[in-house]
N, C-alpha and C. Protein backbone atom coordinates (compact mmCIF):
# COMPACT_ATOMS: atom_id res chain seq x y z
N MET A 1 -9.26 11.58 -33.88
CA MET A 1 -9.40 10.38 -32.93
C MET A 1 -7.85 9.67 -32.81
N LYS A 2 -6.95 9.96 -33.83
CA LYS A 2 -5.34 9.66 -33.55
C LYS A 2 -5.09 10.03 -32.15
N LYS A 3 -5.40 11.58 -31.73
CA LYS A 3 -4.95 11.95 -30.74
C LYS A 3 -5.19 11.06 -29.49
N ILE A 4 -6.56 10.73 -29.30
CA ILE A 4 -6.99 9.84 -28.69
C ILE A 4 -6.43 8.59 -27.90
N VAL A 5 -5.96 8.01 -29.08
CA VAL A 5 -5.43 6.83 -29.37
C VAL A 5 -4.06 6.81 -28.83
N TYR A 6 -3.38 7.95 -29.29
CA TYR A 6 -1.89 8.04 -29.05
C TYR A 6 -1.80 8.50 -27.25
N LEU A 7 -2.74 9.22 -26.68
CA LEU A 7 -2.93 9.63 -25.20
C LEU A 7 -3.19 8.51 -24.54
N GLY A 8 -3.84 7.48 -25.03
CA GLY A 8 -4.10 6.17 -24.47
C GLY A 8 -3.22 5.27 -24.30
N VAL A 9 -2.03 5.25 -25.49
CA VAL A 9 -1.15 4.60 -25.49
C VAL A 9 -0.10 5.16 -24.29
N ILE A 10 0.28 6.59 -24.49
CA ILE A 10 1.50 7.14 -23.60
C ILE A 10 0.81 6.67 -21.86
N ILE A 11 -0.85 6.95 -21.66
CA ILE A 11 -1.03 6.58 -20.15
C ILE A 11 -0.67 5.00 -20.20
N GLY A 12 -0.86 4.37 -20.97
CA GLY A 12 -0.41 2.95 -20.61
C GLY A 12 0.57 2.61 -20.30
N LEU A 13 1.80 3.24 -20.90
CA LEU A 13 3.30 2.64 -20.85
C LEU A 13 3.57 3.55 -19.78
N MET A 14 2.98 4.62 -19.41
CA MET A 14 3.71 5.66 -18.05
C MET A 14 2.78 4.66 -16.95
N VAL A 15 1.63 3.77 -17.00
CA VAL A 15 1.32 3.06 -15.37
C VAL A 15 2.07 1.91 -15.70
N SER A 16 2.54 1.48 -16.93
CA SER A 16 2.74 -0.08 -16.86
C SER A 16 4.57 0.19 -16.27
N CYS A 17 5.10 1.17 -16.89
CA CYS A 17 6.23 1.76 -16.06
C CYS A 17 6.51 1.91 -14.40
N ALA A 18 5.39 2.65 -14.02
CA ALA A 18 5.16 2.81 -12.59
C ALA A 18 4.97 1.51 -12.01
N MET A 19 3.89 0.37 -12.18
CA MET A 19 4.08 -0.86 -11.88
C MET A 19 5.18 -1.35 -12.02
N GLN A 20 5.49 -1.41 -13.04
CA GLN A 20 7.24 -2.35 -12.63
C GLN A 20 8.23 -2.07 -11.58
N THR A 21 8.48 -0.30 -11.44
CA THR A 21 9.23 0.11 -10.64
C THR A 21 8.50 -0.54 -9.14
N GLU A 22 7.19 -0.13 -8.86
CA GLU A 22 7.07 -0.93 -7.62
C GLU A 22 6.92 -2.19 -7.44
N LEU A 23 7.33 -3.18 -8.51
CA LEU A 23 6.93 -4.25 -7.96
C LEU A 23 8.54 -5.14 -7.59
N ALA A 24 9.27 -4.19 -8.28
CA ALA A 24 11.10 -3.99 -8.33
C ALA A 24 11.03 -3.81 -6.80
N SER A 25 10.51 -2.85 -6.48
CA SER A 25 10.74 -2.09 -5.16
C SER A 25 10.38 -2.93 -4.00
N ARG A 26 9.11 -3.75 -4.09
CA ARG A 26 8.80 -4.94 -3.29
C ARG A 26 9.51 -6.14 -3.20
N GLN A 27 10.53 -6.10 -4.85
CA GLN A 27 11.16 -7.83 -4.76
C GLN A 27 12.25 -7.21 -3.82
N GLY A 28 12.81 -6.14 -3.79
CA GLY A 28 14.01 -5.93 -3.25
C GLY A 28 13.87 -5.92 -1.95
N TYR A 29 12.83 -5.44 -1.31
CA TYR A 29 12.94 -5.23 0.08
C TYR A 29 12.61 -7.08 0.47
N LEU A 30 11.92 -7.81 -0.22
CA LEU A 30 12.03 -9.21 -0.06
C LEU A 30 12.99 -9.65 -0.29
N ALA A 31 14.10 -9.54 -1.20
CA ALA A 31 15.22 -10.14 -1.32
C ALA A 31 16.15 -9.63 -0.05
N ASP A 32 16.36 -8.36 0.60
CA ASP A 32 16.88 -8.22 1.64
C ASP A 32 16.48 -8.43 3.11
N HIS A 33 15.27 -9.04 3.43
CA HIS A 33 14.64 -9.52 4.36
C HIS A 33 13.71 -10.99 4.09
N PRO A 34 14.73 -12.06 3.99
CA PRO A 34 14.55 -13.49 3.68
C PRO A 34 13.66 -14.21 4.35
N THR A 35 13.45 -13.71 5.85
CA THR A 35 12.66 -14.53 6.95
C THR A 35 11.43 -14.45 7.16
N ILE A 36 10.71 -13.67 5.97
CA ILE A 36 9.61 -12.95 6.71
C ILE A 36 8.63 -13.76 6.04
N ASP A 37 7.19 -14.06 7.18
CA ASP A 37 6.12 -15.09 6.69
C ASP A 37 5.96 -15.00 4.96
N PRO A 38 5.72 -16.32 5.01
CA PRO A 38 5.16 -16.21 3.51
C PRO A 38 3.68 -15.79 3.30
N LYS A 39 2.75 -15.57 4.31
CA LYS A 39 1.33 -14.64 4.25
C LYS A 39 1.87 -13.59 3.57
N VAL A 40 2.80 -12.68 4.67
CA VAL A 40 3.45 -11.37 4.42
C VAL A 40 4.00 -11.18 3.38
N ARG A 41 4.78 -12.26 2.50
CA ARG A 41 5.37 -12.00 1.72
C ARG A 41 4.14 -11.88 0.31
N ASP A 42 3.48 -13.24 0.43
CA ASP A 42 2.45 -12.53 -0.60
C ASP A 42 1.66 -11.15 -0.72
N ALA A 43 1.52 -11.11 0.46
CA ALA A 43 0.87 -9.88 0.58
C ALA A 43 1.34 -8.72 -0.17
N ILE A 44 2.67 -8.23 0.20
CA ILE A 44 3.97 -7.57 -0.26
C ILE A 44 3.96 -7.47 -1.30
N LEU A 45 4.02 -8.75 -2.28
CA LEU A 45 4.11 -8.75 -3.81
C LEU A 45 2.77 -8.52 -4.45
N ALA A 46 1.62 -8.67 -3.52
CA ALA A 46 0.50 -8.14 -4.17
C ALA A 46 0.01 -7.03 -3.69
N GLY A 47 0.98 -6.22 -3.11
CA GLY A 47 0.45 -4.93 -2.83
C GLY A 47 -0.79 -4.08 -1.90
N LYS A 48 -0.94 -5.32 -1.02
CA LYS A 48 -1.87 -5.94 -0.12
C LYS A 48 -1.50 -5.64 1.22
N LEU A 49 -2.48 -4.97 2.18
CA LEU A 49 -2.28 -5.36 3.48
C LEU A 49 -2.58 -6.83 4.25
N CYS A 50 -1.94 -7.33 5.57
CA CYS A 50 -2.55 -8.51 6.19
C CYS A 50 -1.78 -8.21 7.62
N MET A 51 -3.12 -8.75 8.77
CA MET A 51 -2.61 -8.83 10.00
C MET A 51 -1.05 -9.38 10.38
N GLY A 52 -0.58 -8.26 11.36
CA GLY A 52 0.57 -8.93 11.97
C GLY A 52 1.98 -8.51 10.85
N MET A 53 1.41 -7.58 9.87
CA MET A 53 2.71 -6.52 8.97
C MET A 53 3.03 -5.68 10.13
N THR A 54 4.62 -5.33 10.15
CA THR A 54 4.91 -4.41 10.63
C THR A 54 5.03 -2.93 9.72
N GLU A 55 5.45 -2.17 10.45
CA GLU A 55 5.32 -0.60 9.97
C GLU A 55 6.15 -0.63 8.57
N ASP A 56 7.39 -1.32 8.67
CA ASP A 56 8.30 -1.27 7.49
C ASP A 56 7.53 -2.19 6.14
N GLU A 57 6.96 -3.39 6.61
CA GLU A 57 6.22 -4.23 5.83
C GLU A 57 4.98 -3.64 5.07
N VAL A 58 4.37 -2.48 5.63
CA VAL A 58 3.10 -1.99 4.84
C VAL A 58 3.86 -1.30 4.04
N VAL A 59 5.03 -0.37 4.27
CA VAL A 59 5.37 0.63 3.50
C VAL A 59 6.21 0.06 2.18
N ALA A 60 6.52 -1.33 2.34
CA ALA A 60 6.91 -1.82 1.12
C ALA A 60 5.95 -2.36 0.31
N SER A 61 4.89 -2.95 1.31
CA SER A 61 3.96 -3.14 0.18
C SER A 61 2.92 -2.25 -0.35
N ILE A 62 2.65 -0.95 0.18
CA ILE A 62 1.80 -0.02 -0.54
C ILE A 62 2.23 1.36 -0.59
N GLY A 63 3.71 1.31 0.17
CA GLY A 63 4.42 2.94 0.12
C GLY A 63 4.11 3.93 1.22
N ALA A 64 4.88 4.88 0.91
CA ALA A 64 4.93 5.87 2.21
C ALA A 64 3.71 6.63 2.04
N PRO A 65 3.05 7.20 3.30
CA PRO A 65 1.75 8.00 3.52
C PRO A 65 1.86 9.28 2.62
N ASP A 66 1.29 9.72 1.77
CA ASP A 66 1.48 11.18 1.52
C ASP A 66 1.40 12.09 2.40
N ARG A 67 0.95 11.66 3.30
CA ARG A 67 0.52 12.69 4.86
C ARG A 67 0.02 12.10 6.01
N ILE A 68 0.74 12.57 6.96
CA ILE A 68 -0.23 12.25 8.45
C ILE A 68 -0.91 13.00 8.73
N ASN A 69 -1.99 12.56 9.24
CA ASN A 69 -2.93 13.78 9.99
C ASN A 69 -2.75 13.99 11.47
N ARG A 70 -1.98 14.62 11.72
CA ARG A 70 -1.94 14.94 13.50
C ARG A 70 -2.72 16.16 13.66
N ASP A 71 -3.67 15.80 14.34
CA ASP A 71 -5.05 16.71 15.04
C ASP A 71 -4.04 17.16 16.43
N THR A 72 -4.50 18.40 17.03
CA THR A 72 -4.06 18.58 18.43
C THR A 72 -5.60 19.17 19.15
N TYR A 73 -5.45 18.29 20.17
CA TYR A 73 -6.60 19.05 21.10
C TYR A 73 -6.00 19.36 21.96
N GLN A 74 -6.73 19.91 23.35
CA GLN A 74 -6.56 20.41 24.44
C GLN A 74 -5.77 19.62 25.66
N PHE A 75 -6.27 17.80 24.95
CA PHE A 75 -5.88 16.79 25.43
C PHE A 75 -4.41 16.36 24.92
N GLY A 76 -4.17 17.06 23.74
CA GLY A 76 -3.02 16.07 23.29
C GLY A 76 -3.15 15.89 21.71
N THR A 77 -1.81 15.58 21.19
CA THR A 77 -1.79 15.65 19.91
C THR A 77 -2.57 13.70 19.38
N ARG A 78 -3.56 13.89 18.71
CA ARG A 78 -4.02 12.63 17.86
C ARG A 78 -3.51 12.46 16.77
N THR A 79 -2.53 10.80 16.76
CA THR A 79 -2.08 10.90 15.18
C THR A 79 -2.96 9.53 14.71
């Protein structure tokens, strides 16, 4: 039983640290770009997306993609 409690505490601490790192990264991006629209600024701080975001704003909000799917067909590459 104690092992489960300890495991839960450790996982909770790890998640909390990751969330703080993400928030600090978002705040750093916003500090470097003070002219961002308030609607987009709120979305970035919340880790959400909204219409009108640039690619850099999307990456600041939800992070870089783990992978990009590029399928190649006889007519070209679809991304």
